[in-house]
């Protein structure tokens, strides 16, 4: 355990865990700007003699980042679909099956046509065959029985099983041996890619939590009696979308969008981690 302490000051830890945690705490503080703890934090940041409070704040964020690193494996399992909620809802499995079929069926048609025509197979169709083949290999495991209910999980499973199907070597135990002999330059590239993926995954989770907090705060802050006594729908809508509520609603939507974009970004880097 002590041997890993120096790594807590490395770029990979700062980018992958500390930065997302810092952004999360600041976002929650912004949503809770009228609460005492957030007001004290903002006051300390604006005063010259508030550096002691900020130092405690940084230490607290660092500790939360370490806890986040300990939960990293569970986060990946959730996004891959090994754990709930994605593993419990059949809708996600069916959606991934449809996404696979939209690429696999045209590929099989082109593959059969290529075998039938041989050298007369059109060049444009060859390019389309190659594009579909590349997407299938990168986005899905070769064996449909290995498919998972999320795009993230299928992207990771794809490169986990690829070497077994192509070279007859299981990549997971093989990597334990390869990692001891790869060059420092290549290991640095892998560490950077893994840090980016960790950052995207953590931002995905944190942004989703911020969105839920914003929704909960919007519901909690509603003046239900004013809504119930509104003479018509227009007045009720105006009461709901008062300035304070409008800002929080925008924050909820923006956080949900950020969570989705971070999820998509994490998928684009799976081929390099």
C-alpha atoms as a PDB file:
ATOM      1  CA  UNK A   1       0.000   0.000   0.000  1.00  0.00           C
ATOM      2  CA  UNK A   2       2.761   2.437   0.957  1.00  0.00           C
ATOM      3  CA  UNK A   3       4.571   1.721  -2.306  1.00  0.00           C
ATOM      4  CA  UNK A   4       1.654   3.239  -4.227  1.00  0.00           C
ATOM      5  CA  UNK A   5       1.697   6.566  -2.356  1.00  0.00           C
ATOM      6  CA  UNK A   6       4.137   8.282  -4.755  1.00  0.00           C
ATOM      7  CA  UNK A   7       1.720   7.543  -7.608  1.00  0.00           C
ATOM      8  CA  UNK A   8      -0.870   9.798  -5.933  1.00  0.00           C
ATOM      9  CA  UNK A   9       1.129  12.798  -7.127  1.00  0.00           C
ATOM     10  CA  UNK A  10       1.581  11.598 -10.702  1.00  0.00           C
ATOM     11  CA  UNK A  11      -0.117  13.085 -13.750  1.00  0.00           C
ATOM     12  CA  UNK A  12      -2.267   9.989 -14.253  1.00  0.00           C
ATOM     13  CA  UNK A  13      -3.801  10.325 -10.783  1.00  0.00           C
ATOM     14  CA  UNK A  14      -4.325  14.076 -11.080  1.00  0.00           C
ATOM     15  CA  UNK A  15      -5.967  13.829 -14.509  1.00  0.00           C
ATOM     16  CA  UNK A  16      -7.899  10.617 -13.915  1.00  0.00           C
ATOM     17  CA  UNK A  17      -9.184  11.169 -10.367  1.00  0.00           C
ATOM     18  CA  UNK A  18      -8.259  14.478  -8.709  1.00  0.00           C
ATOM     19  CA  UNK A  19      -9.506  16.738 -11.520  1.00  0.00           C
ATOM     20  CA  UNK A  20     -12.946  15.052 -11.860  1.00  0.00           C
ATOM     21  CA  UNK A  21     -13.376  15.105  -8.070  1.00  0.00           C
ATOM     22  CA  UNK A  22     -12.441  18.792  -7.888  1.00  0.00           C
ATOM     23  CA  UNK A  23     -14.901  19.673 -10.665  1.00  0.00           C
ATOM     24  CA  UNK A  24     -17.609  17.625  -8.935  1.00  0.00           C
ATOM     25  CA  UNK A  25     -17.131  19.364  -5.572  1.00  0.00           C
ATOM     26  CA  UNK A  26     -17.107  22.792  -7.211  1.00  0.00           C
ATOM     27  CA  UNK A  27     -20.273  21.959  -9.165  1.00  0.00           C
ATOM     28  CA  UNK A  28     -22.050  20.807  -6.000  1.00  0.00           C
ATOM     29  CA  UNK A  29     -20.846  23.957  -4.215  1.00  0.00           C
ATOM     30  CA  UNK A  30     -22.246  26.095  -7.035  1.00  0.00           C
ATOM     31  CA  UNK A  31     -25.623  24.332  -6.781  1.00  0.00           C
ATOM     32  CA  UNK A  32     -25.544  24.799  -2.996  1.00  0.00           C
ATOM     33  CA  UNK A  33     -24.322  28.408  -3.055  1.00  0.00           C
ATOM     34  CA  UNK A  34     -26.966  29.459  -0.529  1.00  0.00           C
ATOM     35  CA  UNK A  35     -25.952  26.798   2.013  1.00  0.00           C
ATOM     36  CA  UNK A  36     -23.526  27.689   4.840  1.00  0.00           C
ATOM     37  CA  UNK A  37     -20.694  25.320   3.857  1.00  0.00           C
ATOM     38  CA  UNK A  38     -20.669  26.558   0.262  1.00  0.00           C
ATOM     39  CA  UNK A  39     -20.818  30.187   1.376  1.00  0.00           C
ATOM     40  CA  UNK A  40     -17.817  29.645   3.656  1.00  0.00           C
ATOM     41  CA  UNK A  41     -15.873  28.001   0.835  1.00  0.00           C
ATOM     42  CA  UNK A  42     -16.609  30.844  -1.583  1.00  0.00           C
ATOM     43  CA  UNK A  43     -15.724  33.399   1.077  1.00  0.00           C
ATOM     44  CA  UNK A  44     -12.404  31.677   1.774  1.00  0.00           C
ATOM     45  CA  UNK A  45     -11.575  31.634  -1.929  1.00  0.00           C
ATOM     46  CA  UNK A  46     -12.180  35.403  -2.206  1.00  0.00           C
ATOM     47  CA  UNK A  47     -10.179  36.427   0.875  1.00  0.00           C
ATOM     48  CA  UNK A  48      -6.435  36.581   1.232  1.00  0.00           C
ATOM     49  CA  UNK A  49      -6.511  35.176   4.757  1.00  0.00           C
ATOM     50  CA  UNK A  50      -8.637  32.198   3.692  1.00  0.00           C
ATOM     51  CA  UNK A  51      -5.799  30.047   2.396  1.00  0.00           C
ATOM     52  CA  UNK A  52      -5.915  27.788   5.468  1.00  0.00           C
ATOM     53  CA  UNK A  53      -9.503  26.845   4.682  1.00  0.00           C
ATOM     54  CA  UNK A  54      -8.605  26.259   1.043  1.00  0.00           C
ATOM     55  CA  UNK A  55      -5.736  23.997   2.107  1.00  0.00           C
ATOM     56  CA  UNK A  56      -8.159  21.855   4.087  1.00  0.00           C
ATOM     57  CA  UNK A  57     -10.459  21.870   1.072  1.00  0.00           C
ATOM     58  CA  UNK A  58      -7.682  20.588  -1.226  1.00  0.00           C
ATOM     59  CA  UNK A  59      -6.782  17.845   1.267  1.00  0.00           C
ATOM     60  CA  UNK A  60     -10.444  16.804   1.462  1.00  0.00           C
ATOM     61  CA  UNK A  61     -10.711  16.678  -2.342  1.00  0.00           C
ATOM     62  CA  UNK A  62      -7.488  14.653  -2.475  1.00  0.00           C
ATOM     63  CA  UNK A  63      -8.893  12.152   0.035  1.00  0.00           C
ATOM     64  CA  UNK A  64     -12.098  11.840  -1.991  1.00  0.00           C
ATOM     65  CA  UNK A  65      -9.968  11.264  -5.085  1.00  0.00           C
ATOM     66  CA  UNK A  66      -8.210   8.359  -3.373  1.00  0.00           C
ATOM     67  CA  UNK A  67     -11.582   6.843  -2.445  1.00  0.00           C
ATOM     68  CA  UNK A  68     -12.680   7.310  -6.044  1.00  0.00           C
ATOM     69  CA  UNK A  69      -9.595   5.450  -7.253  1.00  0.00           C
ATOM     70  CA  UNK A  70     -10.524   2.551  -4.960  1.00  0.00           C
ATOM     71  CA  UNK A  71     -13.981   2.441  -6.575  1.00  0.00           C
ATOM     72  CA  UNK A  72     -12.582   2.574 -10.113  1.00  0.00           C
ATOM     73  CA  UNK A  73     -13.032  -1.149 -10.813  1.00  0.00           C
ATOM     74  CA  UNK A  74     -16.675  -1.063  -9.709  1.00  0.00           C
ATOM     75  CA  UNK A  75     -17.323   1.961 -11.950  1.00  0.00           C
ATOM     76  CA  UNK A  76     -15.955   0.140 -14.977  1.00  0.00           C
ATOM     77  CA  UNK A  77     -18.051  -2.934 -14.174  1.00  0.00           C
ATOM     78  CA  UNK A  78     -21.202  -0.792 -14.007  1.00  0.00           C
ATOM     79  CA  UNK A  79     -20.513   0.902 -17.336  1.00  0.00           C
ATOM     80  CA  UNK A  80     -19.538  -2.404 -18.949  1.00  0.00           C
ATOM     81  CA  UNK A  81     -22.843  -3.942 -17.902  1.00  0.00           C
ATOM     82  CA  UNK A  82     -21.611  -6.544 -15.428  1.00  0.00           C
ATOM     83  CA  UNK A  83     -23.486  -4.770 -12.611  1.00  0.00           C
ATOM     84  CA  UNK A  84     -26.763  -2.919 -12.337  1.00  0.00           C
ATOM     85  CA  UNK A  85     -28.526  -0.963 -13.542  1.00  0.00           C
ATOM     86  CA  UNK A  86     -27.516  -1.844 -17.113  1.00  0.00           C
ATOM     87  CA  UNK A  87     -27.207  -5.567 -16.410  1.00  0.00           C
ATOM     88  CA  UNK A  88     -30.740  -5.685 -14.974  1.00  0.00           C
ATOM     89  CA  UNK A  89     -32.578  -3.959 -17.820  1.00  0.00           C
ATOM     90  CA  UNK A  90     -33.083  -6.035 -20.962  1.00  0.00           C
ATOM     91  CA  UNK A  91     -33.686  -2.889 -23.023  1.00  0.00           C
ATOM     92  CA  UNK A  92     -29.948  -2.170 -23.113  1.00  0.00           C
ATOM     93  CA  UNK A  93     -29.136  -5.702 -24.274  1.00  0.00           C
ATOM     94  CA  UNK A  94     -31.715  -5.479 -27.052  1.00  0.00           C
ATOM     95  CA  UNK A  95     -30.422  -2.087 -28.142  1.00  0.00           C
ATOM     96  CA  UNK A  96     -26.872  -3.376 -28.433  1.00  0.00           C
ATOM     97  CA  UNK A  97     -28.116  -6.410 -30.353  1.00  0.00           C
ATOM     98  CA  UNK A  98     -29.870  -4.136 -32.849  1.00  0.00           C
ATOM     99  CA  UNK A  99     -26.772  -1.970 -33.176  1.00  0.00           C
ATOM    100  CA  UNK A 100     -24.714  -5.079 -33.898  1.00  0.00           C
ATOM    101  CA  UNK A 101     -27.182  -6.341 -36.489  1.00  0.00           C
ATOM    102  CA  UNK A 102     -27.216  -3.020 -38.378  1.00  0.00           C
ATOM    103  CA  UNK A 103     -23.501  -3.515 -39.029  1.00  0.00           C
ATOM    104  CA  UNK A 104     -23.229  -7.308 -39.140  1.00  0.00           C
ATOM    105  CA  UNK A 105     -26.047  -8.043 -41.620  1.00  0.00           C
ATOM    106  CA  UNK A 106     -24.720  -5.707 -44.371  1.00  0.00           C
ATOM    107  CA  UNK A 107     -21.248  -7.117 -43.734  1.00  0.00           C
ATOM    108  CA  UNK A 108     -22.450 -10.690 -44.258  1.00  0.00           C
ATOM    109  CA  UNK A 109     -24.232  -9.676 -47.455  1.00  0.00           C
ATOM    110  CA  UNK A 110     -21.078  -8.042 -48.814  1.00  0.00           C
ATOM    111  CA  UNK A 111     -18.964 -10.979 -47.678  1.00  0.00           C
ATOM    112  CA  UNK A 112     -21.189 -13.465 -49.518  1.00  0.00           C
ATOM    113  CA  UNK A 113     -21.213 -11.252 -52.606  1.00  0.00           C
ATOM    114  CA  UNK A 114     -17.399 -11.029 -52.566  1.00  0.00           C
ATOM    115  CA  UNK A 115     -17.116 -14.813 -52.400  1.00  0.00           C
ATOM    116  CA  UNK A 116     -19.537 -15.144 -55.315  1.00  0.00           C
ATOM    117  CA  UNK A 117     -17.919 -12.544 -57.585  1.00  0.00           C
ATOM    118  CA  UNK A 118     -14.291 -13.068 -56.615  1.00  0.00           C
ATOM    119  CA  UNK A 119     -11.971 -10.637 -58.446  1.00  0.00           C
ATOM    120  CA  UNK A 120     -14.983  -8.941 -60.062  1.00  0.00           C
ATOM    121  CA  UNK A 121     -16.133  -7.607 -56.697  1.00  0.00           C
ATOM    122  CA  UNK A 122     -16.399  -3.765 -57.016  1.00  0.00           C
ATOM    123  CA  UNK A 123     -13.716  -1.656 -55.352  1.00  0.00           C
ATOM    124  CA  UNK A 124     -16.254   0.575 -53.595  1.00  0.00           C
ATOM    125  CA  UNK A 125     -17.896  -2.487 -52.062  1.00  0.00           C
ATOM    126  CA  UNK A 126     -14.479  -3.655 -50.865  1.00  0.00           C
ATOM    127  CA  UNK A 127     -14.025  -0.336 -49.037  1.00  0.00           C
ATOM    128  CA  UNK A 128     -17.461  -0.670 -47.465  1.00  0.00           C
ATOM    129  CA  UNK A 129     -16.681  -4.270 -46.442  1.00  0.00           C
ATOM    130  CA  UNK A 130     -13.438  -3.102 -44.846  1.00  0.00           C
ATOM    131  CA  UNK A 131     -15.179  -0.254 -43.006  1.00  0.00           C
ATOM    132  CA  UNK A 132     -17.860  -2.542 -41.590  1.00  0.00           C
ATOM    133  CA  UNK A 133     -15.281  -5.158 -40.666  1.00  0.00           C
ATOM    134  CA  UNK A 134     -13.195  -2.565 -38.819  1.00  0.00           C
ATOM    135  CA  UNK A 135     -16.200  -1.237 -36.915  1.00  0.00           C
ATOM    136  CA  UNK A 136     -17.362  -4.717 -35.944  1.00  0.00           C
ATOM    137  CA  UNK A 137     -13.925  -5.697 -34.654  1.00  0.00           C
ATOM    138  CA  UNK A 138     -13.479  -2.458 -32.703  1.00  0.00           C
ATOM    139  CA  UNK A 139     -16.999  -2.206 -31.264  1.00  0.00           C
ATOM    140  CA  UNK A 140     -18.068  -5.817 -30.617  1.00  0.00           C
ATOM    141  CA  UNK A 141     -16.584  -9.133 -29.515  1.00  0.00           C
ATOM    142  CA  UNK A 142     -16.315 -11.601 -32.391  1.00  0.00           C
ATOM    143  CA  UNK A 143     -18.551 -14.142 -30.643  1.00  0.00           C
ATOM    144  CA  UNK A 144     -22.132 -12.808 -30.128  1.00  0.00           C
ATOM    145  CA  UNK A 145     -22.307 -14.830 -26.891  1.00  0.00           C
ATOM    146  CA  UNK A 146     -19.705 -12.432 -25.442  1.00  0.00           C
ATOM    147  CA  UNK A 147     -21.795  -9.324 -26.102  1.00  0.00           C
ATOM    148  CA  UNK A 148     -22.607  -7.031 -23.186  1.00  0.00           C
ATOM    149  CA  UNK A 149     -25.534  -4.598 -22.714  1.00  0.00           C
ATOM    150  CA  UNK A 150     -23.508  -1.385 -23.169  1.00  0.00           C
ATOM    151  CA  UNK A 151     -21.325   0.139 -25.895  1.00  0.00           C
ATOM    152  CA  UNK A 152     -18.601   0.703 -23.313  1.00  0.00           C
ATOM    153  CA  UNK A 153     -18.618  -2.947 -22.264  1.00  0.00           C
ATOM    154  CA  UNK A 154     -18.598  -4.271 -25.830  1.00  0.00           C
ATOM    155  CA  UNK A 155     -15.714  -1.964 -26.785  1.00  0.00           C
ATOM    156  CA  UNK A 156     -13.611  -3.281 -23.897  1.00  0.00           C
ATOM    157  CA  UNK A 157     -14.642  -6.909 -24.436  1.00  0.00           C
ATOM    158  CA  UNK A 158     -13.769  -6.532 -28.133  1.00  0.00           C
ATOM    159  CA  UNK A 159     -10.080  -5.910 -27.526  1.00  0.00           C
ATOM    160  CA  UNK A 160      -9.985  -8.381 -24.629  1.00  0.00           C
ATOM    161  CA  UNK A 161     -11.028 -11.325 -26.840  1.00  0.00           C
ATOM    162  CA  UNK A 162      -9.502 -10.210 -30.164  1.00  0.00           C
ATOM    163  CA  UNK A 163      -6.073 -11.708 -29.553  1.00  0.00           C
ATOM    164  CA  UNK A 164      -7.602 -15.028 -28.476  1.00  0.00           C
ATOM    165  CA  UNK A 165      -9.568 -15.372 -31.717  1.00  0.00           C
ATOM    166  CA  UNK A 166      -6.808 -14.107 -34.013  1.00  0.00           C
ATOM    167  CA  UNK A 167      -3.595 -15.341 -32.341  1.00  0.00           C
ATOM    168  CA  UNK A 168      -4.877 -17.996 -29.943  1.00  0.00           C
ATOM    169  CA  UNK A 169      -3.569 -16.085 -26.909  1.00  0.00           C
ATOM    170  CA  UNK A 170      -5.717 -14.763 -24.072  1.00  0.00           C
ATOM    171  CA  UNK A 171      -4.906 -11.057 -23.765  1.00  0.00           C
ATOM    172  CA  UNK A 172      -5.588 -10.709 -20.025  1.00  0.00           C
ATOM    173  CA  UNK A 173      -2.979 -13.182 -18.686  1.00  0.00           C
ATOM    174  CA  UNK A 174      -0.697 -12.393 -21.622  1.00  0.00           C
ATOM    175  CA  UNK A 175      -0.646  -8.709 -20.712  1.00  0.00           C
ATOM    176  CA  UNK A 176       0.750  -9.551 -17.263  1.00  0.00           C
ATOM    177  CA  UNK A 177       3.873 -10.802 -19.038  1.00  0.00           C
ATOM    178  CA  UNK A 178       4.007  -8.141 -21.754  1.00  0.00           C
ATOM    179  CA  UNK A 179       3.721  -5.281 -19.248  1.00  0.00           C
ATOM    180  CA  UNK A 180       7.063  -6.267 -17.731  1.00  0.00           C
ATOM    181  CA  UNK A 181       8.976  -5.962 -21.005  1.00  0.00           C
ATOM    182  CA  UNK A 182       7.341  -3.040 -22.848  1.00  0.00           C
ATOM    183  CA  UNK A 183       9.442   0.099 -23.244  1.00  0.00           C
ATOM    184  CA  UNK A 184       9.005   3.057 -20.897  1.00  0.00           C
ATOM    185  CA  UNK A 185       7.858   5.217 -23.795  1.00  0.00           C
ATOM    186  CA  UNK A 186       5.065   2.799 -24.723  1.00  0.00           C
ATOM    187  CA  UNK A 187       4.109   2.366 -21.061  1.00  0.00           C
ATOM    188  CA  UNK A 188       3.852   6.156 -20.780  1.00  0.00           C
ATOM    189  CA  UNK A 189       1.479   6.228 -23.765  1.00  0.00           C
ATOM    190  CA  UNK A 190      -0.666   3.530 -22.153  1.00  0.00           C
ATOM    191  CA  UNK A 191      -0.713   5.379 -18.819  1.00  0.00           C
ATOM    192  CA  UNK A 192      -1.836   8.587 -20.523  1.00  0.00           C
ATOM    193  CA  UNK A 193      -4.604   6.776 -22.408  1.00  0.00           C
ATOM    194  CA  UNK A 194      -5.753   5.024 -19.230  1.00  0.00           C
ATOM    195  CA  UNK A 195      -5.768   8.349 -17.350  1.00  0.00           C
ATOM    196  CA  UNK A 196      -7.941   9.898 -20.066  1.00  0.00           C
ATOM    197  CA  UNK A 197     -10.363   6.979 -19.911  1.00  0.00           C
ATOM    198  CA  UNK A 198     -10.513   7.199 -16.091  1.00  0.00           C
ATOM    199  CA  UNK A 199     -11.129  10.943 -16.316  1.00  0.00           C
ATOM    200  CA  UNK A 200     -13.976  10.438 -18.811  1.00  0.00           C
ATOM    201  CA  UNK A 201     -15.564   7.648 -16.733  1.00  0.00           C
ATOM    202  CA  UNK A 202     -15.391   9.667 -13.512  1.00  0.00           C
ATOM    203  CA  UNK A 203     -16.800  12.785 -15.162  1.00  0.00           C
ATOM    204  CA  UNK A 204     -19.600  10.635 -16.602  1.00  0.00           C
ATOM    205  CA  UNK A 205     -20.577   9.432 -13.123  1.00  0.00           C
ATOM    206  CA  UNK A 206     -20.099  12.787 -11.391  1.00  0.00           C
ATOM    207  CA  UNK A 207     -22.005  14.762 -14.032  1.00  0.00           C
ATOM    208  CA  UNK A 208     -24.913  12.314 -13.738  1.00  0.00           C
ATOM    209  CA  UNK A 209     -24.903  12.781  -9.955  1.00  0.00           C
ATOM    210  CA  UNK A 210     -24.819  16.580 -10.333  1.00  0.00           C
ATOM    211  CA  UNK A 211     -27.774  16.365 -12.719  1.00  0.00           C
ATOM    212  CA  UNK A 212     -29.753  14.306 -10.188  1.00  0.00           C
ATOM    213  CA  UNK A 213     -28.860  16.756  -7.410  1.00  0.00           C
ATOM    214  CA  UNK A 214     -30.039  19.639  -9.567  1.00  0.00           C
ATOM    215  CA  UNK A 215     -33.332  17.875 -10.313  1.00  0.00           C
ATOM    216  CA  UNK A 216     -33.837  17.084  -6.626  1.00  0.00           C
ATOM    217  CA  UNK A 217     -33.108  20.673  -5.681  1.00  0.00           C
ATOM    218  CA  UNK A 218     -35.556  21.947  -8.296  1.00  0.00           C
ATOM    219  CA  UNK A 219     -38.334  19.707  -6.965  1.00  0.00           C
ATOM    220  CA  UNK A 220     -37.484  20.579  -3.355  1.00  0.00           C
ATOM    221  CA  UNK A 221     -37.544  24.311  -4.063  1.00  0.00           C
ATOM    222  CA  UNK A 222     -40.864  24.379  -5.860  1.00  0.00           C
ATOM    223  CA  UNK A 223     -43.673  26.359  -4.295  1.00  0.00           C
ATOM    224  CA  UNK A 224     -46.282  23.653  -4.609  1.00  0.00           C
ATOM    225  CA  UNK A 225     -49.028  25.767  -3.090  1.00  0.00           C
ATOM    226  CA  UNK A 226     -48.464  28.504  -5.698  1.00  0.00           C
ATOM    227  CA  UNK A 227     -48.528  25.954  -8.478  1.00  0.00           C
ATOM    228  CA  UNK A 228     -51.725  24.382  -7.157  1.00  0.00           C
ATOM    229  CA  UNK A 229     -53.475  27.722  -6.837  1.00  0.00           C
ATOM    230  CA  UNK A 230     -52.364  29.052 -10.244  1.00  0.00           C
ATOM    231  CA  UNK A 231     -55.421  30.220 -12.227  1.00  0.00           C
ATOM    232  CA  UNK A 232     -54.171  28.771 -15.517  1.00  0.00           C
ATOM    233  CA  UNK A 233     -51.331  26.775 -17.058  1.00  0.00           C
ATOM    234  CA  UNK A 234     -49.400  29.855 -18.168  1.00  0.00           C
ATOM    235  CA  UNK A 235     -49.180  31.184 -14.622  1.00  0.00           C
ATOM    236  CA  UNK A 236     -48.152  27.744 -13.341  1.00  0.00           C
ATOM    237  CA  UNK A 237     -45.371  27.524 -15.903  1.00  0.00           C
ATOM    238  CA  UNK A 238     -44.202  31.022 -14.990  1.00  0.00           C
ATOM    239  CA  UNK A 239     -44.146  30.048 -11.314  1.00  0.00           C
ATOM    240  CA  UNK A 240     -42.117  26.960 -12.103  1.00  0.00           C
ATOM    241  CA  UNK A 241     -39.609  28.687 -14.356  1.00  0.00           C
ATOM    242  CA  UNK A 242     -38.756  31.515 -12.010  1.00  0.00           C
ATOM    243  CA  UNK A 243     -35.101  32.658 -12.352  1.00  0.00           C
ATOM    244  CA  UNK A 244     -33.727  30.525  -9.520  1.00  0.00           C
ATOM    245  CA  UNK A 245     -35.431  27.367 -10.794  1.00  0.00           C
ATOM    246  CA  UNK A 246     -34.493  28.132 -14.398  1.00  0.00           C
ATOM    247  CA  UNK A 247     -30.775  28.231 -13.606  1.00  0.00           C
ATOM    248  CA  UNK A 248     -30.929  24.909 -11.773  1.00  0.00           C
ATOM    249  CA  UNK A 249     -32.950  23.300 -14.568  1.00  0.00           C
ATOM    250  CA  UNK A 250     -30.334  24.454 -17.075  1.00  0.00           C
ATOM    251  CA  UNK A 251     -27.627  23.040 -14.804  1.00  0.00           C
ATOM    252  CA  UNK A 252     -29.437  19.690 -14.682  1.00  0.00           C
ATOM    253  CA  UNK A 253     -29.719  19.521 -18.471  1.00  0.00           C
ATOM    254  CA  UNK A 254     -26.120  20.649 -19.011  1.00  0.00           C
ATOM    255  CA  UNK A 255     -24.824  18.064 -16.524  1.00  0.00           C
ATOM    256  CA  UNK A 256     -26.778  15.292 -18.250  1.00  0.00           C
ATOM    257  CA  UNK A 257     -25.294  16.347 -21.601  1.00  0.00           C
ATOM    258  CA  UNK A 258     -21.772  16.417 -20.127  1.00  0.00           C
ATOM    259  CA  UNK A 259     -22.319  12.936 -18.669  1.00  0.00           C
ATOM    260  CA  UNK A 260     -23.357  11.593 -22.069  1.00  0.00           C
ATOM    261  CA  UNK A 261     -20.457  13.259 -23.878  1.00  0.00           C
ATOM    262  CA  UNK A 262     -17.965  11.932 -21.319  1.00  0.00           C
ATOM    263  CA  UNK A 263     -19.388   8.428 -21.806  1.00  0.00           C
ATOM    264  CA  UNK A 264     -18.987   8.685 -25.581  1.00  0.00           C
ATOM    265  CA  UNK A 265     -15.452  10.032 -25.187  1.00  0.00           C
ATOM    266  CA  UNK A 266     -14.519   7.105 -22.942  1.00  0.00           C
ATOM    267  CA  UNK A 267     -15.596   4.719 -25.713  1.00  0.00           C
ATOM    268  CA  UNK A 268     -13.434   6.389 -28.352  1.00  0.00           C
ATOM    269  CA  UNK A 269     -10.284   5.618 -26.345  1.00  0.00           C
ATOM    270  CA  UNK A 270     -10.959   1.960 -25.570  1.00  0.00           C
ATOM    271  CA  UNK A 271      -8.725   0.787 -28.412  1.00  0.00           C
ATOM    272  CA  UNK A 272      -5.682   2.264 -26.701  1.00  0.00           C
ATOM    273  CA  UNK A 273      -6.172   1.086 -23.112  1.00  0.00           C
END
